[in-house]
Amino acid sequence: MIMMRLMDIPPVIILLAFLAVIAALLLIRRRLLANSPAESAPVQTLQELPIGNGQTIGARNEQDDYFASAETPQGVVAVLADGISGLSNGRMASTVAVTTFMRQFMNVSAEKEIVPFISKAAKLANSEILRQLGGASGGTTLVVAVMRGLKLYWGAVGDSILLIYRNGDFIPVNQKHTYATLLEERYLSGEISKEEALANPQRKQLINYLGYEGYQEMEIGEKPFELRQGDKVLLCSDGLYNTLSEVEMEEALKKSQSPHDAAEYMIEAIEKKRLVNQDNATVIVLEVW
């Protein structure tokens, strides 16, 4: 009897009923989704962050600067080391330092491990350089930047520098570990005059670097530097910032379409000066999108 009654119902009515049921189910699903907690916005990973670099040997016989960068699930890492040209084995020292940092960063599996990584890598690099020197002279500066989202973790030793270019201004991040820092402290305390501090021939002498028996801790940011979209992060060896003024660096950043172009413009500007004592010069430029 039931089957006979179903067969008596016109096909059009059955189709309409079926469509009504589907519509009701879709409406219920939409309401359930609307009342459920919203999904968290994805964390900006900067995995497509543009990276540019440039380098010149200058008037030196050997390129003692060494650098590397990589994009990983834990962030973008960039490392620049400037082997001390006044000492032998500068190239070896800078290469060991950068290689050690890059290798150690590949072991970082969480954001909380980034700061400990910087300290550990520096100690390992210092020990390895000293081992390879075997009592000979040598050493290197180093600056490292790790960008995770809009956070910049960093560490530095020696006189290579980390700068943030933002809205026409350069923001210095680290201090230079040179004798000039001690001279400035003596001047501020009244021990020496400003003229004596500026005229001291040892102003540029490094007081802390990797490959040094008396190596001290790296300077490491206590908390990450908060970046903004549009910022440019620069890692520079002293051969670059001692040759180019901030005006010249800004000009390169403004007229370039990419970090690669900016880095190349800076190196071209250095080479056009043809300075007889031009040091090795290296720059890494990272742009925050």
Protein backbone atom coordinates (compact mmCIF):
# COMPACT_ATOMS: atom_id res chain seq x y z
CA MET A 1 0.00 0.00 0.00
CA ILE A 2 2.82 2.41 0.93
CA MET A 3 4.66 1.69 -2.33
CA MET A 4 1.49 2.22 -4.29
CA ARG A 5 0.94 5.62 -2.62
CA LEU A 6 4.54 6.76 -3.43
CA MET A 7 4.07 5.68 -7.00
CA ASP A 8 0.91 7.79 -7.14
CA ILE A 9 2.88 10.97 -6.26
CA PRO A 10 3.82 12.97 -9.37
CA PRO A 11 7.63 12.99 -10.11
CA VAL A 12 7.69 16.80 -10.05
CA ILE A 13 6.50 16.84 -6.44
CA ILE A 14 9.20 14.31 -5.41
CA LEU A 15 11.90 16.41 -7.09
CA LEU A 16 10.73 19.59 -5.38
CA ALA A 17 10.70 17.85 -2.00
CA PHE A 18 14.24 16.56 -2.57
CA LEU A 19 15.48 20.05 -3.44
CA ALA A 20 13.78 21.47 -0.36
CA VAL A 21 15.59 18.97 1.87
CA ILE A 22 18.97 19.87 0.28
CA ALA A 23 18.30 23.59 0.78
CA ALA A 24 17.42 23.03 4.42
CA LEU A 25 20.63 21.07 5.04
CA LEU A 26 22.73 23.80 3.44
CA LEU A 27 21.04 26.45 5.58
CA ILE A 28 21.71 24.46 8.75
CA ARG A 29 25.38 24.01 7.76
CA ARG A 30 25.81 27.74 7.10
CA ARG A 31 24.36 28.65 10.51
CA LEU A 32 26.63 26.16 12.26
CA LEU A 33 29.71 27.64 10.55
CA ALA A 34 28.62 31.16 11.41
CA ASN A 35 28.34 30.28 15.09
CA SER A 36 31.66 28.41 15.26
CA PRO A 37 34.89 30.18 16.39
CA ALA A 38 36.66 32.00 13.56
CA GLU A 39 39.84 30.43 12.28
CA SER A 40 43.03 32.20 13.34
CA ALA A 41 44.62 34.43 10.73
CA PRO A 42 47.72 32.82 9.28
CA VAL A 43 51.02 34.08 10.69
CA GLN A 44 53.01 36.10 8.19
CA THR A 45 55.93 33.88 7.28
CA LEU A 46 57.68 36.11 4.76
CA GLN A 47 58.55 32.97 2.84
CA GLU A 48 58.53 35.05 -0.34
CA LEU A 49 60.59 37.81 1.24
CA PRO A 50 62.91 39.39 -1.34
CA ILE A 51 66.62 39.07 -0.54
CA GLY A 52 69.38 40.94 -2.35
CA ASN A 53 73.12 41.01 -1.86
CA GLY A 54 76.20 42.62 -3.33
CA GLN A 55 79.93 42.36 -2.79
CA THR A 56 83.21 43.82 -4.03
CA ILE A 57 86.80 42.87 -3.30
CA GLY A 58 87.78 46.53 -3.42
CA ALA A 59 91.53 47.14 -3.51
CA ARG A 60 92.35 44.04 -1.44
CA ASN A 61 94.17 40.99 -2.72
CA GLU A 62 91.66 38.64 -1.10
CA GLN A 63 87.94 38.65 -0.38
CA ASP A 64 87.67 38.17 3.39
CA ASP A 65 83.92 38.90 3.59
CA TYR A 66 81.59 35.91 3.53
CA PHE A 67 77.79 35.76 3.69
CA ALA A 68 74.79 33.48 3.31
CA SER A 69 71.00 33.58 3.60
CA ALA A 70 68.17 31.06 3.57
CA GLU A 71 64.40 30.78 3.97
CA THR A 72 63.19 28.05 6.33
CA PRO A 73 59.96 27.18 8.17
CA GLN A 74 61.39 28.98 11.21
CA GLY A 75 62.10 32.23 9.40
CA VAL A 76 64.52 33.94 7.06
CA VAL A 77 68.14 33.94 8.22
CA ALA A 78 70.94 36.14 6.89
CA VAL A 79 74.54 36.08 8.12
CA LEU A 80 77.45 38.33 7.17
CA ALA A 81 81.02 38.01 8.45
CA ASP A 82 84.02 40.22 7.72
CA GLY A 83 87.33 38.45 8.18
CA ILE A 84 89.87 40.76 9.76
CA SER A 85 92.09 41.88 6.89
CA GLY A 86 94.89 43.00 9.19
CA LEU A 87 95.30 39.43 10.38
CA SER A 88 96.05 36.29 8.45
CA ASN A 89 93.34 33.68 7.93
CA GLY A 90 90.57 36.26 7.67
CA ARG A 91 88.89 34.34 4.86
CA MET A 92 88.98 31.09 6.80
CA ALA A 93 87.54 32.75 9.90
CA SER A 94 84.62 34.40 8.11
CA THR A 95 83.81 31.22 6.19
CA VAL A 96 83.82 29.07 9.33
CA ALA A 97 81.68 31.57 11.21
CA VAL A 98 78.97 31.87 8.56
CA THR A 99 78.95 28.13 7.85
CA THR A 100 78.58 27.36 11.56
CA PHE A 101 75.68 29.77 11.97
CA MET A 102 73.83 28.46 8.94
CA ARG A 103 74.31 24.84 9.99
CA GLN A 104 73.14 25.53 13.54
CA PHE A 105 70.07 27.44 12.37
CA MET A 106 68.90 24.37 10.47
CA ASN A 107 68.48 22.71 13.89
CA VAL A 108 66.08 25.41 15.14
CA SER A 109 62.59 23.94 15.37
CA ALA A 110 60.69 26.63 17.32
CA GLU A 111 60.72 30.40 17.78
CA LYS A 112 61.86 30.12 21.40
CA GLU A 113 65.08 28.48 20.20
CA ILE A 114 66.23 31.43 18.05
CA VAL A 115 67.96 33.49 20.75
CA PRO A 116 69.76 30.47 22.28
CA PHE A 117 70.81 29.49 18.76
CA ILE A 118 72.64 32.79 18.27
CA SER A 119 74.62 32.45 21.49
CA LYS A 120 75.43 28.78 20.91
CA ALA A 121 76.47 29.27 17.29
CA ALA A 122 78.80 32.12 18.25
CA LYS A 123 80.59 30.02 20.85
CA LEU A 124 80.90 27.08 18.48
CA ALA A 125 82.23 29.33 15.70
CA ASN A 126 84.76 30.96 18.02
CA SER A 127 86.03 27.58 19.22
CA GLU A 128 86.28 26.17 15.69
CA ILE A 129 88.14 29.21 14.38
CA LEU A 130 90.62 29.04 17.26
CA ARG A 131 91.10 25.32 16.61
CA GLN A 132 91.84 25.88 12.95
CA LEU A 133 94.13 28.82 13.68
CA GLY A 134 96.25 26.64 15.93
CA GLY A 135 97.84 29.66 17.58
CA ALA A 136 98.09 31.78 14.42
CA SER A 137 96.39 35.16 14.15
CA GLY A 138 92.95 35.50 12.65
CA GLY A 139 89.38 36.44 13.37
CA THR A 140 86.13 37.79 12.02
CA THR A 141 83.22 40.06 12.78
CA LEU A 142 79.70 38.74 12.33
CA VAL A 143 76.14 40.01 12.21
CA VAL A 144 73.13 37.69 12.01
CA ALA A 145 69.47 38.52 11.42
CA VAL A 146 66.54 36.12 11.73
CA MET A 147 63.18 37.37 10.49
CA ARG A 148 60.11 35.53 11.66
CA GLY A 149 56.93 37.25 10.61
CA LEU A 150 57.40 40.88 11.58
CA LYS A 151 59.89 40.06 14.32
CA LEU A 152 63.61 40.55 13.83
CA TYR A 153 65.93 38.52 16.05
CA TRP A 154 69.59 39.54 15.82
CA GLY A 155 73.11 39.21 17.14
CA ALA A 156 76.40 40.96 16.37
CA VAL A 157 80.07 40.98 17.28
CA GLY A 158 82.79 43.23 15.89
CA ASP A 159 82.03 46.20 13.65
CA SER A 160 79.69 44.82 10.99
CA ILE A 161 76.33 46.52 11.40
CA LEU A 162 72.59 45.94 11.17
CA LEU A 163 70.41 48.82 9.97
CA ILE A 164 66.67 49.27 9.47
CA TYR A 165 65.65 51.68 6.73
CA ARG A 166 62.18 53.05 7.49
CA ASN A 167 60.40 56.06 5.98
CA GLY A 168 63.61 57.78 4.94
CA ASP A 169 65.54 57.13 8.15
CA PHE A 170 68.22 54.61 9.10
CA ILE A 171 67.74 52.98 12.50
CA PRO A 172 70.96 51.46 13.92
CA VAL A 173 70.33 48.19 15.73
CA ASN A 174 73.68 47.01 17.11
CA GLN A 175 76.78 48.67 18.56
CA LYS A 176 80.28 48.43 17.13
CA HIS A 177 82.73 46.51 19.30
CA THR A 178 85.65 48.84 18.67
CA TYR A 179 88.01 50.86 20.84
CA ALA A 180 86.05 53.95 19.79
CA THR A 181 83.22 52.78 22.06
CA LEU A 182 85.56 52.76 25.06
CA LEU A 183 86.98 56.14 24.07
CA GLU A 184 83.46 57.58 23.93
CA GLU A 185 82.73 56.23 27.41
CA ARG A 186 85.95 57.82 28.71
CA TYR A 187 84.98 61.12 27.08
CA LEU A 188 81.50 61.06 28.60
CA SER A 189 82.97 60.35 32.03
CA GLY A 190 85.34 63.31 31.69
CA GLU A 191 88.57 61.29 31.54
CA ILE A 192 89.58 62.57 28.11
CA SER A 193 88.56 65.41 25.81
CA LYS A 194 86.46 64.99 22.67
CA GLU A 195 89.49 65.85 20.55
CA GLU A 196 91.55 63.13 22.23
CA ALA A 197 88.81 60.57 21.63
CA LEU A 198 88.48 61.46 17.95
CA ALA A 199 92.23 61.65 17.31
CA ASN A 200 93.15 58.31 18.88
CA PRO A 201 94.75 56.14 16.15
CA GLN A 202 93.31 52.97 17.70
CA ARG A 203 89.69 54.08 17.34
CA LYS A 204 88.83 51.38 14.78
CA GLN A 205 90.61 48.56 16.60
CA LEU A 206 88.26 45.67 17.42
CA ILE A 207 87.88 44.73 21.07
CA ASN A 208 85.63 41.71 20.56
CA TYR A 209 85.35 39.32 17.62
CA LEU A 210 85.17 35.62 16.75
CA GLY A 211 88.51 33.80 16.73
CA TYR A 212 89.73 35.80 19.71
CA GLU A 213 91.05 34.13 22.86
CA GLY A 214 89.41 36.81 24.92
CA TYR A 215 86.07 36.53 23.09
CA GLN A 216 83.14 37.85 25.09
CA GLU A 217 79.46 37.21 24.54
CA MET A 218 77.81 38.38 21.33
CA GLU A 219 75.54 41.37 21.55
CA ILE A 220 72.07 39.86 21.21
CA GLY A 221 68.75 41.70 21.16
CA GLU A 222 66.94 41.16 24.47
CA LYS A 223 63.69 41.11 22.55
CA PRO A 224 62.95 41.02 18.82
CA PHE A 225 62.91 44.27 16.88
CA GLU A 226 59.37 44.96 15.67
CA LEU A 227 59.38 45.41 11.90
CA ARG A 228 56.79 47.13 9.72
CA GLN A 229 55.73 46.38 6.19
CA GLY A 230 57.95 48.33 3.82
CA ASP A 231 60.99 48.24 6.10
CA LYS A 232 64.33 47.27 4.60
CA VAL A 233 66.87 45.44 6.74
CA LEU A 234 70.54 45.90 5.85
CA LEU A 235 73.53 43.85 6.97
CA CYS A 236 76.75 45.72 6.13
CA SER A 237 80.47 45.14 6.48
CA ASP A 238 82.58 48.17 7.38
CA GLY A 239 83.90 48.39 3.83
CA LEU A 240 80.43 49.47 2.78
CA TYR A 241 79.37 51.92 5.47
CA ASN A 242 82.84 53.51 5.71
CA THR A 243 82.68 54.31 1.98
CA LEU A 244 79.05 55.25 1.38
CA SER A 245 77.23 57.96 3.29
CA GLU A 246 73.66 57.42 4.47
CA VAL A 247 72.56 59.78 1.70
CA GLU A 248 74.22 57.55 -0.90
CA MET A 249 72.76 54.40 0.65
CA GLU A 250 69.31 55.95 0.73
CA GLU A 251 69.61 56.97 -2.91
CA ALA A 252 70.33 53.35 -3.85
CA LEU A 253 67.34 52.12 -1.85
CA LYS A 254 64.96 54.71 -3.30
CA LYS A 255 65.81 54.29 -6.97
CA SER A 256 65.88 50.49 -6.94
CA GLN A 257 62.93 48.23 -7.71
CA SER A 258 64.16 45.30 -5.63
CA PRO A 259 66.60 44.45 -2.81
CA HIS A 260 68.89 42.91 -5.42
CA ASP A 261 68.99 46.17 -7.38
CA ALA A 262 69.59 48.19 -4.21
CA ALA A 263 72.55 46.02 -3.22
CA GLU A 264 74.01 46.21 -6.73
CA TYR A 265 73.63 50.01 -6.83
CA MET A 266 75.53 50.32 -3.55
CA ILE A 267 78.38 48.16 -4.79
CA GLU A 268 78.52 50.07 -8.09
CA ALA A 269 78.68 53.36 -6.17
CA ILE A 270 81.64 52.05 -4.17
CA GLU A 271 83.51 50.82 -7.23
CA LYS A 272 82.98 54.12 -9.07
CA LYS A 273 84.90 55.91 -6.32
CA ARG A 274 88.04 53.87 -7.10
CA LEU A 275 89.51 54.43 -3.64
CA VAL A 276 93.10 53.21 -3.44
CA ASN A 277 92.54 51.68 0.01
CA GLN A 278 89.02 50.35 -0.57
CA ASP A 279 88.26 47.50 1.82
CA ASN A 280 86.16 44.44 0.94
CA ALA A 281 82.52 45.52 1.01
CA THR A 282 79.40 43.40 1.38
CA VAL A 283 75.72 44.18 1.88
CA ILE A 284 72.61 42.03 2.30
CA VAL A 285 69.24 43.75 1.83
CA LEU A 286 65.97 42.21 3.04
CA GLU A 287 62.64 43.85 2.26
CA VAL A 288 59.62 43.35 4.48
CA TRP A 289 56.35 42.91 2.61
